[in-house]
Amino acid sequence: MGKKMEKKRAEMPPARAGILSFWDEEAPGIKIDPDYILYACFAVAVLLIIAHTMAAV
């Protein structure tokens, strides 16, 4: 999979390639699964809905 990522990264502007390095197995440091980002956004949305409901009551 590493080779595919390298090829994709070569075709991208540098900023996007830097963001994608989070997902690459070979990247050192923090490993972030894209699914967790989705779950985090969903959790924030639910919390905002709850907060608005509480404020309205």
Protein backbone atom coordinates (compact mmCIF):
# COMPACT_ATOMS: atom_id res chain seq x y z
CA MET A 1 0.00 0.00 0.00
CA GLY A 2 2.92 2.34 0.65
CA LYS A 3 3.84 2.51 -3.02
CA LYS A 4 0.31 3.46 -4.04
CA MET A 5 0.28 6.27 -1.48
CA GLU A 6 3.63 7.56 -2.76
CA LYS A 7 2.28 7.68 -6.31
CA LYS A 8 -0.89 9.48 -5.21
CA ARG A 9 1.14 11.92 -3.14
CA ALA A 10 3.39 12.73 -6.10
CA GLU A 11 0.35 13.81 -8.15
CA MET A 12 -0.95 16.15 -5.43
CA PRO A 13 -0.09 19.65 -4.30
CA PRO A 14 2.31 19.55 -1.31
CA ALA A 15 -0.26 20.71 1.26
CA ARG A 16 -2.61 17.81 0.53
CA ALA A 17 0.28 15.36 0.52
CA GLY A 18 1.25 16.55 4.00
CA ILE A 19 -2.26 15.97 5.31
CA LEU A 20 -2.37 12.52 3.73
CA SER A 21 0.88 11.52 5.45
CA PHE A 22 -1.21 11.15 8.64
CA TRP A 23 -2.94 8.16 7.06
CA ASP A 24 0.18 6.51 5.65
CA GLU A 25 1.47 3.49 7.60
CA GLU A 26 5.06 4.53 6.99
CA ALA A 27 4.58 8.03 8.38
CA PRO A 28 6.24 8.53 11.77
CA GLY A 29 4.35 10.01 14.70
CA ILE A 30 0.60 10.07 15.20
CA LYS A 31 -1.53 7.60 13.28
CA ILE A 32 -5.05 8.90 12.65
CA ASP A 33 -7.67 6.63 11.13
CA PRO A 34 -9.94 8.61 8.75
CA ASP A 35 -12.97 6.94 10.37
CA TYR A 36 -12.11 8.51 13.72
CA ILE A 37 -12.20 11.99 12.16
CA LEU A 38 -15.69 11.20 10.85
CA TYR A 39 -16.81 9.97 14.29
CA ALA A 40 -15.38 13.09 15.95
CA CYS A 41 -17.33 15.38 13.58
CA PHE A 42 -20.50 13.40 14.25
CA ALA A 43 -19.98 13.61 18.02
CA VAL A 44 -19.45 17.39 17.85
CA ALA A 45 -22.63 17.75 15.77
CA VAL A 46 -24.65 15.74 18.31
CA LEU A 47 -23.24 17.79 21.20
CA LEU A 48 -24.15 21.03 19.40
CA ILE A 49 -27.71 19.79 18.85
CA ILE A 50 -28.02 18.87 22.55
CA ALA A 51 -26.59 22.23 23.63
CA HIS A 52 -29.05 24.13 21.43
CA THR A 53 -31.93 22.05 22.77
CA MET A 54 -30.89 22.78 26.36
CA ALA A 55 -30.57 26.49 25.62
CA ALA A 56 -34.03 26.62 24.04
CA VAL A 57 -35.74 25.02 27.05
